[in-house]
C-alpha cells in the first residue's frame, strides 16, 4: 500500500508547521512548509516579497508551489494561512490528499502571535481585529477544503498529532496497525 499525503490548513499561527513536522515524523513521510519552500525560492522573506511585489504576485507563486507539492510523492504539507483563497488551491488540496483544518479561534491565534513581526497580514494597527476578519473570511473556505476539522484549543502538539491520526484512521485513510499509525492507504477519503 502506498501512502497518501496529508495537508494542513488553518489561520496563521494555528500550529500547522509545528504539528506538521511531528505528524510527518510519526507517519514517516517528508515534511514541507509551503511558506518556507516559497522563501527558499525567493531568496527573501515572504514579508519582503509582499511589500515589494504585492499580495497578488505572492498568491501566484504560492499556487505554483502548492500545485507542485500536492502533485508529488506522498508527504505532509503545512500551507500558508491564505492558501485557500484561490479555488485551484482548494481543489488541488482536497483532491490530492487528506486535508486537516487546524481550527483555532482568532483569540487563541492572537495570544500565540501577538509578538510576531514576520507575518505581513498582521502588521496593522489592530492585529486581533485583523485575525477576526481573516477568520470570518477564511473559515468557510477551510471547512470547504478540509476532510477533517481538528479544534486546536490548548492541547499539546503530541495530543494534536494523535487527534489527527485518530481522525485519519476513522476516515479509513490510515491503517490503525501500521507503524506510528502511519501506513496510509493510497486514496483520498470519500466525502
N, C-alpha and C. Protein backbone atom coordinates (compact mmCIF):
# COMPACT_ATOMS: atom_id res chain seq x y z
N UNK A 1 0.84 -1.19 0.00
CA UNK A 1 0.00 0.00 0.00
C UNK A 1 0.87 1.24 0.00
N UNK A 2 0.55 2.18 -0.86
CA UNK A 2 1.32 3.41 -0.87
C UNK A 2 0.66 4.43 0.05
N UNK A 3 1.46 5.36 0.54
CA UNK A 3 0.96 6.38 1.46
C UNK A 3 0.24 7.48 0.70
N UNK A 4 -0.62 8.19 1.40
CA UNK A 4 -1.29 9.34 0.84
C UNK A 4 -0.80 10.59 1.57
N UNK A 5 -0.86 11.70 0.91
CA UNK A 5 -0.39 12.95 1.52
C UNK A 5 -1.42 13.50 2.49
N UNK A 6 -0.92 14.29 3.43
CA UNK A 6 -1.76 14.99 4.38
C UNK A 6 -1.40 16.47 4.33
N UNK A 7 -2.40 17.32 4.14
CA UNK A 7 -2.19 18.76 4.01
C UNK A 7 -2.88 19.47 5.17
N UNK A 8 -2.13 20.34 5.85
CA UNK A 8 -2.67 21.07 6.99
C UNK A 8 -3.00 22.49 6.57
N UNK A 9 -4.22 22.92 6.90
CA UNK A 9 -4.66 24.27 6.59
C UNK A 9 -5.17 24.92 7.87
N UNK A 10 -5.24 26.26 7.86
CA UNK A 10 -5.75 26.98 9.02
C UNK A 10 -5.15 28.37 9.07
N UNK A 11 -5.63 29.15 10.02
CA UNK A 11 -5.15 30.53 10.19
C UNK A 11 -3.66 30.57 10.45
N UNK A 12 -3.02 31.70 10.14
CA UNK A 12 -1.62 31.86 10.54
C UNK A 12 -1.53 31.68 12.06
N UNK A 13 -0.55 30.90 12.50
CA UNK A 13 -0.38 30.71 13.94
C UNK A 13 -1.22 29.62 14.55
N UNK A 14 -1.91 28.82 13.72
CA UNK A 14 -2.75 27.75 14.27
C UNK A 14 -1.94 26.50 14.60
N UNK A 15 -0.65 26.49 14.27
CA UNK A 15 0.21 25.37 14.62
C UNK A 15 0.51 24.41 13.48
N UNK A 16 0.21 24.83 12.25
CA UNK A 16 0.36 23.92 11.10
C UNK A 16 1.79 23.40 10.94
N UNK A 17 2.77 24.27 11.05
CA UNK A 17 4.17 23.85 10.85
C UNK A 17 4.64 22.94 11.97
N UNK A 18 4.38 23.33 13.20
CA UNK A 18 4.81 22.53 14.35
C UNK A 18 4.14 21.17 14.35
N UNK A 19 2.84 21.15 14.16
CA UNK A 19 2.09 19.89 14.14
C UNK A 19 2.49 19.06 12.93
N UNK A 20 2.64 19.73 11.77
CA UNK A 20 3.01 19.03 10.54
C UNK A 20 4.34 18.30 10.65
N UNK A 21 5.32 18.97 11.26
CA UNK A 21 6.64 18.35 11.44
C UNK A 21 6.53 17.07 12.26
N UNK A 22 5.78 17.14 13.38
CA UNK A 22 5.60 15.97 14.25
C UNK A 22 4.79 14.87 13.57
N UNK A 23 3.75 15.27 12.85
CA UNK A 23 2.92 14.30 12.14
C UNK A 23 3.75 13.56 11.09
N UNK A 24 4.56 14.29 10.34
CA UNK A 24 5.41 13.68 9.31
C UNK A 24 6.36 12.67 9.93
N UNK A 25 6.92 13.02 11.08
CA UNK A 25 7.82 12.10 11.78
C UNK A 25 7.06 10.82 12.16
N UNK A 26 5.86 10.98 12.67
CA UNK A 26 5.06 9.83 13.12
C UNK A 26 4.68 8.91 11.96
N UNK A 27 4.39 9.47 10.80
CA UNK A 27 3.96 8.64 9.67
C UNK A 27 5.08 8.36 8.68
N UNK A 28 6.30 8.78 9.04
CA UNK A 28 7.50 8.53 8.21
C UNK A 28 7.34 9.06 6.78
N UNK A 29 6.88 10.29 6.67
CA UNK A 29 6.78 10.96 5.37
C UNK A 29 7.59 12.25 5.41
N UNK A 30 8.04 12.73 4.26
CA UNK A 30 8.74 14.02 4.25
C UNK A 30 7.77 15.15 4.61
N UNK A 31 8.32 16.21 5.22
CA UNK A 31 7.52 17.37 5.61
C UNK A 31 7.95 18.59 4.80
N UNK A 32 6.96 19.34 4.35
CA UNK A 32 7.22 20.61 3.65
C UNK A 32 6.33 21.69 4.24
N UNK A 33 6.91 22.85 4.47
CA UNK A 33 6.15 24.04 4.85
C UNK A 33 6.12 24.89 3.59
N UNK A 34 4.94 25.08 2.99
CA UNK A 34 4.88 25.77 1.70
C UNK A 34 5.47 27.18 1.77
N UNK A 35 5.30 27.87 2.91
CA UNK A 35 5.88 29.20 3.04
C UNK A 35 7.41 29.15 3.02
N UNK A 36 8.00 28.14 3.66
CA UNK A 36 9.47 28.01 3.65
C UNK A 36 9.98 27.67 2.26
N UNK A 37 9.24 26.82 1.54
CA UNK A 37 9.62 26.49 0.16
C UNK A 37 9.62 27.77 -0.69
N UNK A 38 8.59 28.59 -0.51
CA UNK A 38 8.49 29.85 -1.25
C UNK A 38 9.66 30.77 -0.90
N UNK A 39 9.97 30.90 0.38
CA UNK A 39 11.09 31.77 0.79
C UNK A 39 12.42 31.28 0.24
N UNK A 40 12.61 29.96 0.20
CA UNK A 40 13.85 29.42 -0.38
C UNK A 40 13.96 29.80 -1.85
N UNK A 41 12.86 29.73 -2.56
CA UNK A 41 12.87 30.08 -3.99
C UNK A 41 13.09 31.57 -4.21
N UNK A 42 12.49 32.38 -3.35
CA UNK A 42 12.59 33.83 -3.50
C UNK A 42 13.96 34.35 -3.07
N UNK A 43 14.56 33.69 -2.09
CA UNK A 43 15.81 34.20 -1.53
C UNK A 43 15.57 35.39 -0.61
N UNK A 44 14.33 35.58 -0.18
CA UNK A 44 14.00 36.64 0.78
C UNK A 44 12.76 36.21 1.54
N UNK A 45 12.40 36.98 2.56
CA UNK A 45 11.22 36.62 3.35
C UNK A 45 9.94 36.93 2.57
N UNK A 46 8.88 36.23 2.95
CA UNK A 46 7.59 36.49 2.33
C UNK A 46 7.19 37.94 2.60
N UNK A 47 7.48 38.41 3.80
CA UNK A 47 7.14 39.78 4.15
C UNK A 47 7.78 40.78 3.19
N UNK A 48 9.08 40.58 2.90
CA UNK A 48 9.77 41.48 1.95
C UNK A 48 9.14 41.41 0.57
N UNK A 49 8.86 40.18 0.10
CA UNK A 49 8.28 40.00 -1.22
C UNK A 49 6.89 40.64 -1.28
N UNK A 50 6.12 40.44 -0.23
CA UNK A 50 4.77 41.01 -0.11
C UNK A 50 4.84 42.53 -0.27
N UNK A 51 5.77 43.16 0.46
CA UNK A 51 5.91 44.62 0.44
C UNK A 51 6.35 45.12 -0.93
N UNK A 52 7.23 44.36 -1.56
CA UNK A 52 7.80 44.79 -2.84
C UNK A 52 6.87 44.49 -4.02
N UNK A 53 6.28 43.29 -4.03
CA UNK A 53 5.53 42.83 -5.21
C UNK A 53 4.02 42.80 -5.03
N UNK A 54 3.56 42.77 -3.78
CA UNK A 54 2.12 42.74 -3.52
C UNK A 54 1.58 41.34 -3.31
N UNK A 55 0.37 41.29 -2.75
CA UNK A 55 -0.23 40.00 -2.40
C UNK A 55 -0.56 39.16 -3.62
N UNK A 56 -1.02 39.78 -4.70
CA UNK A 56 -1.42 39.02 -5.89
C UNK A 56 -0.26 38.20 -6.46
N UNK A 57 0.91 38.83 -6.57
CA UNK A 57 2.11 38.13 -7.08
C UNK A 57 2.50 36.99 -6.13
N UNK A 58 2.38 37.26 -4.83
CA UNK A 58 2.68 36.21 -3.85
C UNK A 58 1.73 35.03 -4.02
N UNK A 59 0.44 35.31 -4.20
CA UNK A 59 -0.55 34.23 -4.34
C UNK A 59 -0.30 33.42 -5.61
N UNK A 60 0.20 34.06 -6.67
CA UNK A 60 0.57 33.33 -7.90
C UNK A 60 1.66 32.31 -7.60
N UNK A 61 2.70 32.77 -6.91
CA UNK A 61 3.82 31.89 -6.56
C UNK A 61 3.36 30.79 -5.62
N UNK A 62 2.53 31.15 -4.64
CA UNK A 62 2.01 30.17 -3.69
C UNK A 62 1.22 29.07 -4.41
N UNK A 63 0.39 29.46 -5.39
CA UNK A 63 -0.41 28.47 -6.14
C UNK A 63 0.50 27.50 -6.89
N UNK A 64 1.58 28.01 -7.44
CA UNK A 64 2.53 27.17 -8.17
C UNK A 64 3.20 26.16 -7.22
N UNK A 65 3.61 26.63 -6.05
CA UNK A 65 4.28 25.75 -5.08
C UNK A 65 3.29 24.70 -4.54
N UNK A 66 2.06 25.10 -4.27
CA UNK A 66 1.06 24.13 -3.77
C UNK A 66 0.77 23.08 -4.84
N UNK A 67 0.67 23.50 -6.08
CA UNK A 67 0.45 22.55 -7.17
C UNK A 67 1.58 21.52 -7.20
N UNK A 68 2.80 22.01 -7.11
CA UNK A 68 3.97 21.13 -7.16
C UNK A 68 4.01 20.17 -5.96
N UNK A 69 3.81 20.70 -4.75
CA UNK A 69 3.90 19.86 -3.55
C UNK A 69 2.77 18.83 -3.49
N UNK A 70 1.57 19.19 -3.92
CA UNK A 70 0.44 18.26 -3.84
C UNK A 70 0.47 17.22 -4.95
N UNK A 71 1.19 17.51 -6.04
CA UNK A 71 1.27 16.56 -7.15
C UNK A 71 2.42 15.57 -6.98
N UNK A 72 3.32 15.84 -6.04
CA UNK A 72 4.50 15.00 -5.86
C UNK A 72 4.21 13.76 -5.02
N UNK A 73 5.29 13.07 -4.63
CA UNK A 73 5.15 11.87 -3.79
C UNK A 73 4.49 12.21 -2.46
N UNK A 74 3.97 11.19 -1.79
CA UNK A 74 3.27 11.37 -0.51
C UNK A 74 4.14 12.14 0.47
N UNK A 75 3.52 13.09 1.16
CA UNK A 75 4.23 13.93 2.11
C UNK A 75 3.21 14.60 3.04
N UNK A 76 3.72 15.31 4.03
CA UNK A 76 2.89 16.16 4.89
C UNK A 76 3.25 17.59 4.55
N UNK A 77 2.24 18.43 4.27
CA UNK A 77 2.48 19.82 3.89
C UNK A 77 1.70 20.74 4.81
N UNK A 78 2.41 21.71 5.37
CA UNK A 78 1.71 22.78 6.08
C UNK A 78 1.64 23.94 5.11
N UNK A 79 0.43 24.45 4.92
CA UNK A 79 0.20 25.50 3.93
C UNK A 79 0.15 26.86 4.61
N UNK A 80 0.33 27.91 3.82
CA UNK A 80 0.16 29.26 4.34
C UNK A 80 -1.31 29.50 4.66
N UNK A 81 -1.57 30.38 5.61
CA UNK A 81 -2.94 30.64 6.06
C UNK A 81 -3.89 31.08 4.96
N UNK A 82 -3.35 31.76 3.94
CA UNK A 82 -4.20 32.26 2.86
C UNK A 82 -4.25 31.37 1.63
N UNK A 83 -3.67 30.19 1.73
CA UNK A 83 -3.61 29.30 0.56
C UNK A 83 -4.99 28.93 0.03
N UNK A 84 -6.00 28.95 0.90
CA UNK A 84 -7.35 28.54 0.49
C UNK A 84 -8.10 29.65 -0.26
N UNK A 85 -7.50 30.82 -0.38
CA UNK A 85 -8.18 31.94 -1.04
C UNK A 85 -8.41 31.67 -2.52
N UNK A 86 -7.55 30.88 -3.13
CA UNK A 86 -7.69 30.56 -4.55
C UNK A 86 -8.37 29.21 -4.73
N UNK A 87 -9.37 29.18 -5.60
CA UNK A 87 -10.14 27.95 -5.78
C UNK A 87 -9.27 26.80 -6.30
N UNK A 88 -8.29 27.09 -7.16
CA UNK A 88 -7.45 26.00 -7.66
C UNK A 88 -6.66 25.35 -6.53
N UNK A 89 -6.23 26.14 -5.54
CA UNK A 89 -5.54 25.56 -4.39
C UNK A 89 -6.48 24.67 -3.59
N UNK A 90 -7.69 25.15 -3.33
CA UNK A 90 -8.67 24.35 -2.57
C UNK A 90 -8.93 23.02 -3.27
N UNK A 91 -9.12 23.07 -4.59
CA UNK A 91 -9.40 21.84 -5.34
C UNK A 91 -8.22 20.88 -5.31
N UNK A 92 -7.01 21.40 -5.55
CA UNK A 92 -5.82 20.53 -5.56
C UNK A 92 -5.61 19.89 -4.20
N UNK A 93 -5.70 20.68 -3.15
CA UNK A 93 -5.51 20.14 -1.81
C UNK A 93 -6.54 19.05 -1.53
N UNK A 94 -7.79 19.33 -1.79
CA UNK A 94 -8.88 18.40 -1.47
C UNK A 94 -8.79 17.11 -2.29
N UNK A 95 -8.41 17.22 -3.55
CA UNK A 95 -8.40 16.06 -4.44
C UNK A 95 -7.14 15.21 -4.32
N UNK A 96 -6.04 15.81 -3.86
CA UNK A 96 -4.76 15.10 -3.92
C UNK A 96 -4.28 14.52 -2.59
N UNK A 97 -5.08 14.62 -1.56
CA UNK A 97 -4.67 14.07 -0.27
C UNK A 97 -5.74 14.30 0.77
N UNK A 98 -5.38 14.05 2.02
CA UNK A 98 -6.30 14.28 3.14
C UNK A 98 -6.00 15.65 3.71
N UNK A 99 -7.03 16.49 3.81
CA UNK A 99 -6.84 17.85 4.30
C UNK A 99 -7.37 17.96 5.72
N UNK A 100 -6.51 18.45 6.62
CA UNK A 100 -6.87 18.64 8.01
C UNK A 100 -6.85 20.13 8.32
N UNK A 101 -7.99 20.64 8.75
CA UNK A 101 -8.12 22.04 9.15
C UNK A 101 -7.86 22.13 10.64
N UNK A 102 -6.74 22.78 11.00
CA UNK A 102 -6.45 23.05 12.41
C UNK A 102 -7.20 24.33 12.77
N UNK A 103 -8.36 24.15 13.38
CA UNK A 103 -9.23 25.29 13.66
C UNK A 103 -8.87 25.94 14.99
N UNK A 104 -8.43 27.19 14.92
CA UNK A 104 -8.12 28.00 16.10
C UNK A 104 -8.98 29.24 16.07
N UNK A 105 -9.40 29.70 17.24
CA UNK A 105 -10.15 30.95 17.28
C UNK A 105 -9.19 32.12 17.08
N UNK A 106 -9.69 33.25 16.61
CA UNK A 106 -8.83 34.43 16.47
C UNK A 106 -8.16 34.82 17.79
N UNK A 107 -8.85 34.62 18.91
CA UNK A 107 -8.29 34.96 20.22
C UNK A 107 -7.10 34.06 20.56
N UNK A 108 -7.22 32.75 20.27
CA UNK A 108 -6.10 31.83 20.52
C UNK A 108 -4.90 32.22 19.67
N UNK A 109 -5.15 32.50 18.40
CA UNK A 109 -4.05 32.85 17.49
C UNK A 109 -3.39 34.15 17.93
N UNK A 110 -4.20 35.13 18.31
CA UNK A 110 -3.63 36.41 18.76
C UNK A 110 -2.72 36.19 19.97
N UNK A 111 -3.16 35.35 20.90
CA UNK A 111 -2.34 35.07 22.08
C UNK A 111 -0.99 34.49 21.67
N UNK A 112 -0.99 33.62 20.65
CA UNK A 112 0.26 32.99 20.19
C UNK A 112 1.13 33.95 19.39
N UNK A 113 0.51 34.84 18.62
CA UNK A 113 1.26 35.65 17.63
C UNK A 113 1.47 37.11 18.01
N UNK A 114 1.00 37.53 19.17
CA UNK A 114 1.00 38.97 19.45
C UNK A 114 2.37 39.63 19.36
N UNK A 115 3.46 38.87 19.50
CA UNK A 115 4.80 39.47 19.41
C UNK A 115 5.51 39.15 18.09
N UNK A 116 4.83 38.45 17.19
CA UNK A 116 5.43 38.05 15.91
C UNK A 116 5.39 39.21 14.93
N UNK A 117 6.54 39.60 14.42
CA UNK A 117 6.63 40.73 13.48
C UNK A 117 6.87 40.28 12.04
N UNK A 118 6.81 38.97 11.79
CA UNK A 118 7.14 38.46 10.46
C UNK A 118 5.93 38.07 9.62
N UNK A 119 4.75 38.33 10.10
CA UNK A 119 3.55 37.96 9.35
C UNK A 119 2.95 39.22 8.75
N UNK A 120 3.09 39.37 7.42
CA UNK A 120 2.70 40.64 6.78
C UNK A 120 1.24 41.03 6.99
N UNK A 121 0.33 40.07 7.01
CA UNK A 121 -1.08 40.43 7.15
C UNK A 121 -1.44 40.91 8.55
N UNK A 122 -0.53 40.71 9.53
CA UNK A 122 -0.82 41.13 10.90
C UNK A 122 -0.10 42.40 11.30
N UNK A 123 0.61 43.01 10.37
CA UNK A 123 1.31 44.26 10.67
C UNK A 123 0.36 45.43 10.45
N UNK A 124 -0.66 45.48 11.30
CA UNK A 124 -1.70 46.50 11.22
C UNK A 124 -1.94 47.07 12.63
N UNK A 125 -2.70 48.16 12.70
CA UNK A 125 -2.94 48.82 13.98
C UNK A 125 -3.64 47.91 14.99
N UNK A 126 -4.60 47.08 14.51
CA UNK A 126 -5.36 46.20 15.41
C UNK A 126 -5.28 44.76 14.90
N UNK A 127 -4.17 44.05 15.23
CA UNK A 127 -4.00 42.69 14.70
C UNK A 127 -5.08 41.71 15.17
N UNK A 128 -5.64 41.91 16.36
CA UNK A 128 -6.68 40.99 16.82
C UNK A 128 -7.94 41.13 15.96
N UNK A 129 -8.29 42.36 15.61
CA UNK A 129 -9.44 42.56 14.72
C UNK A 129 -9.14 41.99 13.35
N UNK A 130 -7.88 42.15 12.89
CA UNK A 130 -7.48 41.60 11.60
C UNK A 130 -7.66 40.09 11.59
N UNK A 131 -7.28 39.42 12.69
CA UNK A 131 -7.45 37.97 12.80
C UNK A 131 -8.93 37.59 12.78
N UNK A 132 -9.76 38.38 13.44
CA UNK A 132 -11.21 38.11 13.41
C UNK A 132 -11.75 38.23 11.99
N UNK A 133 -11.27 39.24 11.26
CA UNK A 133 -11.70 39.43 9.87
C UNK A 133 -11.21 38.26 8.99
N UNK A 134 -9.94 37.86 9.18
CA UNK A 134 -9.39 36.74 8.41
C UNK A 134 -10.20 35.46 8.71
N UNK A 135 -10.50 35.25 9.97
CA UNK A 135 -11.27 34.06 10.36
C UNK A 135 -12.64 34.07 9.70
N UNK A 136 -13.31 35.21 9.76
CA UNK A 136 -14.66 35.31 9.17
C UNK A 136 -14.62 35.00 7.67
N UNK A 137 -13.59 35.49 6.99
CA UNK A 137 -13.49 35.28 5.54
C UNK A 137 -13.02 33.87 5.19
N UNK A 138 -12.11 33.32 5.98
CA UNK A 138 -11.46 32.06 5.59
C UNK A 138 -12.06 30.80 6.19
N UNK A 139 -12.71 30.89 7.35
CA UNK A 139 -13.25 29.68 7.98
C UNK A 139 -14.13 28.88 7.02
N UNK A 140 -15.05 29.52 6.27
CA UNK A 140 -15.86 28.73 5.33
C UNK A 140 -15.02 28.05 4.25
N UNK A 141 -13.94 28.70 3.82
CA UNK A 141 -13.06 28.12 2.79
C UNK A 141 -12.26 26.95 3.37
N UNK A 142 -11.78 27.11 4.61
CA UNK A 142 -11.07 26.00 5.26
C UNK A 142 -12.01 24.80 5.39
N UNK A 143 -13.24 25.05 5.82
CA UNK A 143 -14.20 23.95 6.01
C UNK A 143 -14.54 23.28 4.68
N UNK A 144 -14.67 24.07 3.62
CA UNK A 144 -14.98 23.54 2.29
C UNK A 144 -13.84 22.64 1.79
N UNK A 145 -12.61 22.99 2.11
CA UNK A 145 -11.43 22.28 1.62
C UNK A 145 -11.13 21.03 2.44
N UNK A 146 -11.42 21.08 3.73
CA UNK A 146 -10.99 20.03 4.67
C UNK A 146 -11.81 18.75 4.57
N UNK A 147 -11.12 17.64 4.82
CA UNK A 147 -11.78 16.36 5.04
C UNK A 147 -12.04 16.19 6.54
N UNK A 148 -11.17 16.80 7.36
CA UNK A 148 -11.24 16.68 8.82
C UNK A 148 -11.00 18.04 9.46
N UNK A 149 -11.72 18.34 10.54
CA UNK A 149 -11.52 19.58 11.30
C UNK A 149 -11.08 19.19 12.70
N UNK A 150 -9.95 19.73 13.13
CA UNK A 150 -9.43 19.47 14.47
C UNK A 150 -9.41 20.80 15.22
N UNK A 151 -10.09 20.85 16.35
CA UNK A 151 -10.09 22.06 17.20
C UNK A 151 -8.76 22.09 17.95
N UNK A 152 -7.98 23.17 17.77
CA UNK A 152 -6.66 23.20 18.40
C UNK A 152 -6.74 23.50 19.88
N UNK A 153 -7.55 24.45 20.32
CA UNK A 153 -7.68 24.76 21.74
C UNK A 153 -6.33 24.84 22.42
N UNK A 154 -6.18 24.10 23.51
CA UNK A 154 -4.92 24.12 24.26
C UNK A 154 -4.19 22.78 24.33
N UNK A 155 -4.56 21.77 23.53
CA UNK A 155 -3.82 20.51 23.65
C UNK A 155 -2.36 20.66 23.22
N UNK A 156 -1.54 19.75 23.71
CA UNK A 156 -0.13 19.75 23.32
C UNK A 156 -0.02 19.35 21.84
N UNK A 157 1.15 19.58 21.28
CA UNK A 157 1.40 19.19 19.89
C UNK A 157 1.21 17.68 19.74
N UNK A 158 1.75 16.91 20.68
CA UNK A 158 1.62 15.45 20.61
C UNK A 158 0.14 15.04 20.63
N UNK A 159 -0.65 15.70 21.44
CA UNK A 159 -2.09 15.40 21.51
C UNK A 159 -2.77 15.74 20.18
N UNK A 160 -2.42 16.87 19.57
CA UNK A 160 -3.00 17.24 18.28
C UNK A 160 -2.64 16.22 17.21
N UNK A 161 -1.38 15.78 17.20
CA UNK A 161 -0.95 14.76 16.23
C UNK A 161 -1.75 13.48 16.44
N UNK A 162 -1.94 13.07 17.70
CA UNK A 162 -2.75 11.87 17.98
C UNK A 162 -4.18 12.05 17.51
N UNK A 163 -4.75 13.25 17.71
CA UNK A 163 -6.12 13.52 17.27
C UNK A 163 -6.22 13.42 15.74
N UNK A 164 -5.22 13.94 15.04
CA UNK A 164 -5.21 13.87 13.58
C UNK A 164 -5.12 12.42 13.13
N UNK A 165 -4.20 11.67 13.72
CA UNK A 165 -4.04 10.26 13.34
C UNK A 165 -5.33 9.47 13.61
N UNK A 166 -6.00 9.78 14.71
CA UNK A 166 -7.25 9.09 15.02
C UNK A 166 -8.31 9.41 13.96
N UNK A 167 -8.40 10.68 13.54
CA UNK A 167 -9.36 11.06 12.50
C UNK A 167 -9.02 10.36 11.18
N UNK A 168 -7.74 10.30 10.84
CA UNK A 168 -7.33 9.65 9.60
C UNK A 168 -7.64 8.15 9.65
N UNK A 169 -7.47 7.54 10.83
CA UNK A 169 -7.82 6.12 10.99
C UNK A 169 -9.33 5.92 10.84
N UNK A 170 -10.11 6.74 11.54
CA UNK A 170 -11.57 6.63 11.47
C UNK A 170 -12.08 6.88 10.06
N UNK A 171 -11.38 7.74 9.32
CA UNK A 171 -11.77 8.04 7.95
C UNK A 171 -11.28 7.01 6.95
N UNK A 172 -10.56 5.99 7.44
CA UNK A 172 -10.08 4.93 6.57
C UNK A 172 -8.87 5.32 5.74
N UNK A 173 -8.22 6.41 6.11
CA UNK A 173 -7.06 6.89 5.35
C UNK A 173 -5.79 6.22 5.84
N UNK A 174 -5.73 5.92 7.14
CA UNK A 174 -4.55 5.35 7.76
C UNK A 174 -4.95 4.04 8.42
N UNK A 175 -4.10 3.05 8.29
CA UNK A 175 -4.33 1.76 8.92
C UNK A 175 -3.96 1.84 10.40
N UNK A 176 -4.84 1.44 11.32
CA UNK A 176 -4.55 1.57 12.75
C UNK A 176 -3.39 0.71 13.23
N UNK A 177 -3.07 -0.37 12.51
CA UNK A 177 -1.99 -1.25 12.97
C UNK A 177 -0.65 -0.96 12.31
N UNK A 178 -0.57 0.12 11.55
CA UNK A 178 0.69 0.45 10.90
C UNK A 178 1.61 1.17 11.87
N UNK A 179 2.92 1.20 11.58
CA UNK A 179 3.87 1.86 12.48
C UNK A 179 3.49 3.33 12.66
N UNK A 180 3.36 3.74 13.90
CA UNK A 180 3.01 5.14 14.18
C UNK A 180 1.64 5.50 13.63
N UNK A 181 0.83 4.48 13.38
CA UNK A 181 -0.47 4.67 12.73
C UNK A 181 -0.29 5.45 11.45
N UNK A 182 0.73 5.09 10.69
CA UNK A 182 1.03 5.94 9.57
C UNK A 182 1.13 5.30 8.21
N UNK A 183 0.78 4.03 8.02
CA UNK A 183 0.83 3.46 6.70
C UNK A 183 -0.50 3.75 6.02
N UNK A 184 -0.56 4.85 5.30
CA UNK A 184 -1.83 5.32 4.76
C UNK A 184 -2.20 4.58 3.49
N UNK A 185 -3.48 4.44 3.29
CA UNK A 185 -3.97 3.88 2.04
C UNK A 185 -3.75 4.86 0.92
N UNK A 186 -3.61 4.37 -0.28
CA UNK A 186 -3.29 5.25 -1.40
C UNK A 186 -4.50 5.91 -2.02
N UNK A 187 -5.38 6.43 -1.22
CA UNK A 187 -6.57 7.09 -1.77
C UNK A 187 -7.02 8.18 -0.81
N UNK A 188 -7.77 9.12 -1.35
CA UNK A 188 -8.37 10.14 -0.50
C UNK A 188 -9.65 9.57 0.06
N UNK A 189 -10.03 10.02 1.27
CA UNK A 189 -11.26 9.51 1.83
C UNK A 189 -12.47 10.00 1.06
N UNK A 190 -13.50 9.20 1.02
CA UNK A 190 -14.75 9.64 0.38
C UNK A 190 -15.35 10.73 1.25
N UNK A 191 -16.01 11.66 0.63
CA UNK A 191 -16.57 12.75 1.43
C UNK A 191 -18.04 12.85 1.20
